[in-house]
Amino acid sequence: MTIRFRFLSLIAIALVALLARGASADSSPFQGGLPLPVFDTASAPATPAQATPATPPQKDDGRFYVGQETCSTCHQQEAGNWAHTAHAKVFNLHPRDAKEEKNCEACHGPGSAHVEDPSDFTKIISFSHKSKTPIAEQNEQCLSCHKGGQRIFWHDSIHDQNKLACSDCHNPMGTFAAHGLTARESISQTCFSCHKEQHADFAKRSHMPLLEGKITCTDCHNPHGSATAPLLKADSVNELCYTCHADKRGPFLFEHAPVHESCLNCHSPHGSNFENLLTTPRPVLCQQCHSQDGHPAQLLTKGNLPHGPMPDPRLISTSCQTCHVNIHGSNDPSGSRFER
């Protein structure tokens, strides 16, 4: 009897404990010995029934996108020209992000304010000489997609410092050239619209074969910026020239100092009226440095030409290079004077 009574007492105590725990479960942060999660209803996310409806993307000033169809109702000619460009094919067929899906407004910005007042050009980003949009803002629209690569040196480049807009060289609204959406029919013609002096140099008797279509300005220059002052696509003038004239690179056992310093000491890079793009004719070019006594370096004039009254052998054939053949450098053991 005593054992049975004790057993029943233990069962009764256990039942009372369970009932007491269940009664306090609603007011206690613990249940079953584990902490219950506590939710802050003030910061809890809204239920689907309480979510606000989606609105069109807006800018800080409240403008919103109106869609390509709205733009085309007024700008029919522009829409027709733009439809054949590379931008149109990407934006319409394979947009890479939400911005490109906006088509016209991807570049010009939200057009709601422009629709309300088309006469106020400050309410839309435009790309032209009559544009009210600051050039820095115009270029930033282009650089938001066309960044990196060849354009890493654009900021503070000579073109950027002179307030050149991307639209001064490119026309994304029409296809006038085979490559690059340039504003003229070719890269060279686009550059010549500003660089008149260089255009005249290419028309001289001796010139780089640019007008013949064998090279373009961008073969030597990067118009979007470079680490060098004249926007070269190499670290120096010589390194750029060596990309085509590899035989002049060396290293040579006997180097010609002005050649090693810069090719521009003797050559004009775009064009010259003297042979081989020389800055001045031979032997005058050589005599600018080599005028020491004991060497036949007297001043030669027109009268010393082969048909003049006093023909001089130094003005016949290739002048100084008749003897000093390896003028760019020599590896011959007896070539210290760049002779044969």
Protein backbone atom coordinates (compact mmCIF):
# COMPACT_ATOMS: atom_id res chain seq x y z
CA MET A 1 0.00 0.00 0.00
CA THR A 2 2.78 2.40 0.80
CA ILE A 3 4.56 1.83 -2.56
CA ARG A 4 1.31 2.22 -4.51
CA PHE A 5 0.43 5.39 -2.64
CA ARG A 6 3.84 6.92 -3.38
CA PHE A 7 3.51 6.01 -7.07
CA LEU A 8 0.10 7.67 -7.33
CA SER A 9 1.43 10.74 -5.53
CA LEU A 10 4.21 11.13 -8.08
CA ILE A 11 1.73 10.88 -10.97
CA ALA A 12 -0.50 13.50 -9.37
CA ILE A 13 2.44 15.89 -8.87
CA ALA A 14 3.47 15.48 -12.51
CA LEU A 15 -0.07 16.21 -13.75
CA VAL A 16 -0.30 19.33 -11.61
CA ALA A 17 3.05 20.59 -13.01
CA LEU A 18 1.92 20.02 -16.62
CA LEU A 19 -1.36 21.83 -16.02
CA ALA A 20 0.45 24.77 -14.41
CA ARG A 21 2.83 25.06 -17.40
CA GLY A 22 -0.02 24.94 -19.91
CA ALA A 23 -1.93 27.64 -18.06
CA SER A 24 1.00 30.08 -18.24
CA ALA A 25 1.97 29.33 -21.88
CA ASP A 26 0.03 32.29 -23.29
CA SER A 27 1.75 34.86 -21.09
CA SER A 28 5.28 33.40 -21.04
CA PRO A 29 7.91 33.90 -23.76
CA PHE A 30 9.00 30.29 -23.20
CA GLN A 31 7.27 27.13 -24.29
CA GLY A 32 8.62 23.67 -23.77
CA GLY A 33 11.85 25.16 -22.45
CA LEU A 34 12.59 27.01 -25.78
CA PRO A 35 12.33 30.79 -26.43
CA LEU A 36 9.49 31.89 -28.67
CA PRO A 37 10.13 34.39 -31.50
CA VAL A 38 8.91 37.90 -30.78
CA PHE A 39 7.55 39.92 -33.74
CA ASP A 40 7.53 43.70 -33.98
CA THR A 41 4.26 44.50 -35.67
CA ALA A 42 5.33 48.10 -36.32
CA SER A 43 8.19 47.02 -38.65
CA ALA A 44 6.61 43.86 -40.02
CA PRO A 45 6.27 43.73 -43.83
CA ALA A 46 2.86 44.44 -45.24
CA THR A 47 0.69 41.54 -46.24
CA PRO A 48 -0.13 41.10 -49.95
CA ALA A 49 -3.47 42.75 -49.35
CA GLN A 50 -1.76 45.82 -47.88
CA ALA A 51 1.05 46.19 -50.52
CA THR A 52 0.99 49.41 -52.54
CA PRO A 53 0.44 49.03 -56.29
CA ALA A 54 3.50 49.24 -58.60
CA THR A 55 4.18 52.66 -60.15
CA PRO A 56 6.28 53.58 -63.18
CA PRO A 57 9.95 54.35 -62.41
CA GLN A 58 10.35 58.00 -61.53
CA LYS A 59 13.18 60.47 -61.18
CA ASP A 60 13.70 62.65 -58.16
CA ASP A 61 11.77 65.52 -59.76
CA GLY A 62 8.68 63.38 -60.33
CA ARG A 63 9.12 62.74 -64.05
CA PHE A 64 8.20 59.30 -65.35
CA TYR A 65 8.63 57.27 -68.53
CA VAL A 66 5.97 57.59 -71.22
CA GLY A 67 7.12 54.86 -73.63
CA GLN A 68 8.53 54.73 -77.15
CA GLU A 69 5.12 54.92 -78.80
CA THR A 70 4.47 58.32 -77.26
CA CYS A 71 7.84 59.63 -78.50
CA SER A 72 7.23 58.31 -82.03
CA THR A 73 3.95 60.20 -82.42
CA CYS A 74 5.88 63.47 -82.74
CA HIS A 75 9.37 62.33 -83.70
CA GLN A 76 8.47 60.07 -86.61
CA GLN A 77 11.50 60.90 -88.76
CA GLU A 78 13.92 60.38 -85.87
CA ALA A 79 12.24 57.09 -84.97
CA GLY A 80 12.59 55.89 -88.55
CA ASN A 81 16.27 56.77 -88.73
CA TRP A 82 16.98 55.27 -85.32
CA ALA A 83 15.22 51.99 -86.13
CA HIS A 84 18.14 50.84 -88.31
CA THR A 85 20.94 51.56 -85.84
CA ALA A 86 22.82 49.18 -83.57
CA HIS A 87 21.26 50.80 -80.50
CA ALA A 88 17.73 50.11 -81.76
CA LYS A 89 18.52 46.45 -82.43
CA VAL A 90 19.89 45.97 -78.93
CA PHE A 91 17.23 47.98 -77.10
CA ASN A 92 14.30 46.41 -78.96
CA LEU A 93 15.44 42.82 -79.42
CA HIS A 94 17.92 42.05 -76.63
CA PRO A 95 17.85 44.70 -73.86
CA ARG A 96 20.43 43.89 -71.21
CA ASP A 97 18.75 45.73 -68.35
CA ALA A 98 15.70 47.74 -67.38
CA LYS A 99 17.27 50.95 -68.70
CA GLU A 100 17.68 49.64 -72.24
CA GLU A 101 14.07 48.51 -72.25
CA LYS A 102 13.07 52.19 -72.17
CA ASN A 103 14.30 52.66 -75.77
CA CYS A 104 14.26 56.43 -76.49
CA GLU A 105 14.11 57.34 -72.82
CA ALA A 106 17.14 55.21 -72.02
CA CYS A 107 19.24 58.06 -73.43
CA HIS A 108 16.91 61.06 -73.28
CA GLY A 109 15.53 60.37 -69.81
CA PRO A 110 11.88 60.24 -68.66
CA GLY A 111 9.73 62.19 -71.10
CA SER A 112 6.61 63.08 -69.11
CA ALA A 113 7.67 66.71 -68.53
CA HIS A 114 8.65 67.07 -72.19
CA VAL A 115 5.22 65.82 -73.27
CA GLU A 116 3.54 68.41 -71.07
CA ASP A 117 5.65 71.26 -72.49
CA PRO A 118 7.49 70.30 -75.72
CA SER A 119 8.78 73.86 -76.22
CA ASP A 120 10.90 73.75 -73.05
CA PHE A 121 14.05 71.85 -74.03
CA THR A 122 15.38 71.93 -70.49
CA LYS A 123 12.87 69.22 -69.55
CA ILE A 124 14.45 66.54 -71.75
CA ILE A 125 18.05 65.45 -72.33
CA SER A 126 18.91 66.35 -75.93
CA PHE A 127 22.07 65.84 -77.96
CA SER A 128 22.76 68.65 -80.44
CA HIS A 129 24.52 71.99 -80.79
CA LYS A 130 21.27 73.70 -79.78
CA SER A 131 20.84 71.50 -76.74
CA LYS A 132 20.07 73.10 -73.40
CA THR A 133 21.51 70.07 -71.63
CA PRO A 134 25.05 70.65 -70.27
CA ILE A 135 27.70 68.75 -72.22
CA ALA A 136 28.86 66.97 -69.07
CA GLU A 137 25.34 65.59 -68.56
CA GLN A 138 25.09 64.57 -72.21
CA ASN A 139 28.36 62.67 -72.05
CA GLU A 140 27.41 61.06 -68.75
CA GLN A 141 24.38 59.51 -70.45
CA CYS A 142 26.65 57.89 -73.02
CA LEU A 143 29.29 56.86 -70.50
CA SER A 144 26.70 55.18 -68.29
CA CYS A 145 26.80 52.33 -70.84
CA HIS A 146 30.00 52.98 -72.80
CA LYS A 147 32.44 53.02 -69.90
CA GLY A 148 35.78 51.36 -69.41
CA GLY A 149 37.91 49.92 -72.19
CA GLN A 150 39.19 52.63 -74.53
CA ARG A 151 37.30 55.29 -72.59
CA ILE A 152 39.07 54.94 -69.24
CA PHE A 153 41.11 58.09 -70.00
CA TRP A 154 38.21 60.19 -71.31
CA HIS A 155 37.90 62.39 -68.23
CA ASP A 156 40.45 65.22 -68.36
CA SER A 157 41.55 64.22 -71.87
CA ILE A 158 42.15 67.01 -74.39
CA HIS A 159 38.74 66.43 -75.96
CA ASP A 160 36.98 66.47 -72.60
CA GLN A 161 38.83 69.64 -71.55
CA ASN A 162 37.66 71.36 -74.74
CA LYS A 163 34.02 70.51 -73.91
CA LEU A 164 33.62 68.08 -76.78
CA ALA A 165 30.35 66.14 -76.65
CA CYS A 166 30.02 62.53 -77.74
CA SER A 167 27.39 63.69 -80.23
CA ASP A 168 29.96 65.97 -81.91
CA CYS A 169 31.64 62.85 -83.33
CA HIS A 170 28.87 60.24 -83.12
CA ASN A 171 25.29 60.22 -84.33
CA PRO A 172 23.33 57.40 -82.64
CA MET A 173 20.17 58.48 -84.48
CA GLY A 174 21.38 57.46 -87.93
CA THR A 175 23.84 55.24 -89.77
CA PHE A 176 26.16 57.41 -91.85
CA ALA A 177 29.28 55.26 -91.59
CA ALA A 178 30.14 51.59 -91.64
CA HIS A 179 31.51 51.57 -88.08
CA GLY A 180 31.15 53.51 -84.86
CA LEU A 181 28.04 55.54 -85.72
CA THR A 182 30.33 58.43 -86.61
CA ALA A 183 28.82 61.78 -87.51
CA ARG A 184 30.53 61.70 -90.94
CA GLU A 185 30.88 58.96 -93.50
CA SER A 186 34.26 57.82 -92.12
CA ILE A 187 36.42 58.15 -89.04
CA SER A 188 38.91 60.37 -90.86
CA GLN A 189 36.24 62.73 -92.19
CA THR A 190 34.86 63.03 -88.66
CA CYS A 191 38.28 64.02 -87.31
CA PHE A 192 38.92 66.43 -90.20
CA SER A 193 35.83 68.43 -89.23
CA CYS A 194 37.98 69.93 -86.44
CA HIS A 195 41.58 69.08 -87.36
CA LYS A 196 41.97 71.18 -90.52
CA GLU A 197 45.76 71.48 -90.29
CA GLN A 198 46.22 67.73 -90.25
CA HIS A 199 43.81 67.43 -93.17
CA ALA A 200 46.07 69.76 -95.16
CA ASP A 201 49.17 67.72 -94.20
CA PHE A 202 47.68 64.56 -95.66
CA ALA A 203 47.31 66.36 -99.00
CA LYS A 204 51.04 67.08 -99.25
CA ARG A 205 53.39 65.33 -101.66
CA SER A 206 54.66 62.83 -99.10
CA HIS A 207 51.99 61.69 -96.66
CA MET A 208 50.70 58.75 -94.68
CA PRO A 209 48.29 56.63 -96.79
CA LEU A 210 45.20 57.83 -94.96
CA LEU A 211 43.38 59.40 -97.90
CA GLU A 212 43.94 56.16 -99.81
CA GLY A 213 42.01 54.28 -97.13
CA LYS A 214 44.92 52.15 -95.89
CA ILE A 215 44.89 53.64 -92.37
CA THR A 216 42.62 55.81 -90.25
CA CYS A 217 43.25 58.36 -87.52
CA THR A 218 42.36 55.78 -84.86
CA ASP A 219 45.22 53.52 -85.94
CA CYS A 220 47.56 55.94 -84.18
CA HIS A 221 45.29 57.95 -81.88
CA ASN A 222 42.62 57.10 -79.33
CA PRO A 223 40.07 59.92 -79.56
CA HIS A 224 38.47 58.88 -76.26
CA GLY A 225 41.60 59.58 -74.24
CA SER A 226 45.11 58.37 -73.66
CA ALA A 227 47.91 58.61 -71.13
CA THR A 228 49.87 60.70 -73.66
CA ALA A 229 49.19 64.31 -74.65
CA PRO A 230 48.43 63.77 -78.37
CA LEU A 231 46.11 60.83 -77.55
CA LEU A 232 48.57 58.24 -78.84
CA LYS A 233 47.75 54.54 -78.64
CA ALA A 234 51.23 53.82 -77.26
CA ASP A 235 53.44 55.08 -74.47
CA SER A 236 55.59 57.20 -76.80
CA VAL A 237 55.90 58.33 -80.41
CA ASN A 238 58.65 55.81 -81.12
CA GLU A 239 56.69 52.88 -79.68
CA LEU A 240 53.77 53.86 -81.89
CA CYS A 241 55.93 54.08 -85.02
CA TYR A 242 57.54 50.72 -84.25
CA THR A 243 54.17 48.98 -84.54
CA CYS A 244 54.53 49.36 -88.32
CA HIS A 245 58.25 50.14 -88.76
CA ALA A 246 59.59 47.24 -86.72
CA ASP A 247 62.92 47.23 -88.57
CA LYS A 248 63.73 50.60 -86.98
CA ARG A 249 63.18 49.34 -83.43
CA GLY A 250 66.59 47.84 -82.76
CA PRO A 251 68.34 47.35 -80.43
CA PHE A 252 71.35 48.53 -82.38
CA LEU A 253 75.00 48.30 -81.53
CA PHE A 254 75.39 51.87 -82.78
CA GLU A 255 72.35 54.04 -82.14
CA HIS A 256 71.59 57.38 -83.75
CA ALA A 257 70.75 59.69 -80.84
CA PRO A 258 67.96 61.78 -82.45
CA VAL A 259 66.34 58.61 -83.78
CA HIS A 260 66.40 56.98 -80.36
CA GLU A 261 64.93 60.12 -78.79
CA SER A 262 61.97 60.67 -81.12
CA CYS A 263 61.05 59.91 -84.70
CA LEU A 264 59.57 63.42 -84.88
CA ASN A 265 63.07 64.91 -84.81
CA CYS A 266 63.33 64.12 -88.51
CA HIS A 267 59.84 63.13 -89.70
CA SER A 268 56.47 64.85 -89.85
CA PRO A 269 53.85 62.30 -88.76
CA HIS A 270 51.00 63.30 -91.10
CA GLY A 271 52.54 64.65 -94.27
CA SER A 272 55.37 66.69 -95.75
CA ASN A 273 56.40 68.20 -99.08
CA PHE A 274 59.78 66.50 -98.68
CA GLU A 275 60.54 62.85 -99.28
CA ASN A 276 59.85 60.22 -96.62
CA LEU A 277 57.88 62.67 -94.47
CA LEU A 278 61.09 64.57 -93.63
CA THR A 279 60.66 67.89 -91.86
CA THR A 280 63.30 69.52 -94.09
CA PRO A 281 65.20 68.20 -97.13
CA ARG A 282 68.57 66.51 -96.95
CA PRO A 283 71.34 67.52 -96.39
CA VAL A 284 69.90 70.56 -94.59
CA LEU A 285 68.19 68.19 -92.14
CA CYS A 286 71.48 66.52 -91.27
CA GLN A 287 73.36 69.81 -91.08
CA GLN A 288 71.07 71.04 -88.32
CA CYS A 289 73.19 68.86 -86.01
CA HIS A 290 76.29 67.88 -88.03
CA SER A 291 78.10 71.13 -88.77
CA GLN A 292 81.52 70.41 -87.27
CA ASP A 293 84.78 71.44 -88.97
CA GLY A 294 86.73 68.89 -90.95
CA HIS A 295 83.63 67.45 -92.62
CA PRO A 296 82.14 68.73 -95.89
CA ALA A 297 79.14 70.32 -94.22
CA GLN A 298 79.03 73.68 -95.95
CA LEU A 299 75.64 75.20 -96.65
CA LEU A 300 74.26 73.94 -99.93
CA THR A 301 71.86 75.95 -102.08
CA LYS A 302 69.77 75.55 -105.22
CA GLY A 303 72.85 76.30 -107.33
CA ASN A 304 74.48 73.11 -106.07
CA LEU A 305 71.75 70.90 -107.54
CA PRO A 306 72.73 68.63 -110.46
CA HIS A 307 71.50 71.16 -113.05
CA GLY A 308 72.82 74.23 -111.21
CA PRO A 309 75.95 76.24 -111.99
CA MET A 310 77.93 74.50 -109.22
CA PRO A 311 76.73 70.87 -108.93
CA ASP A 312 77.70 69.24 -105.65
CA PRO A 313 77.78 65.45 -105.14
CA ARG A 314 76.14 65.89 -101.75
CA LEU A 315 72.90 66.92 -103.47
CA ILE A 316 72.97 64.00 -105.86
CA SER A 317 71.27 60.68 -105.13
CA THR A 318 70.36 60.45 -101.43
CA SER A 319 72.69 63.14 -100.16
CA CYS A 320 74.29 62.24 -96.81
CA GLN A 321 72.79 58.77 -96.97
CA THR A 322 74.80 57.99 -100.04
CA CYS A 323 77.52 57.12 -97.53
CA HIS A 324 75.68 56.98 -94.21
CA VAL A 325 73.15 54.35 -95.27
CA ASN A 326 72.07 52.87 -91.93
CA ILE A 327 70.95 56.21 -90.57
CA HIS A 328 68.47 54.72 -88.07
CA GLY A 329 71.16 52.55 -86.43
CA SER A 330 73.72 49.93 -87.26
CA ASN A 331 74.83 46.55 -85.92
CA ASP A 332 77.83 46.33 -88.24
CA PRO A 333 81.21 46.19 -86.39
CA SER A 334 82.43 49.08 -88.59
CA GLY A 335 79.13 50.97 -88.50
CA SER A 336 79.87 53.59 -85.88
CA ARG A 337 79.24 56.22 -88.56
CA PHE A 338 76.23 54.34 -89.93
CA GLU A 339 78.12 53.58 -93.15
CA ARG A 340 77.77 50.48 -95.27
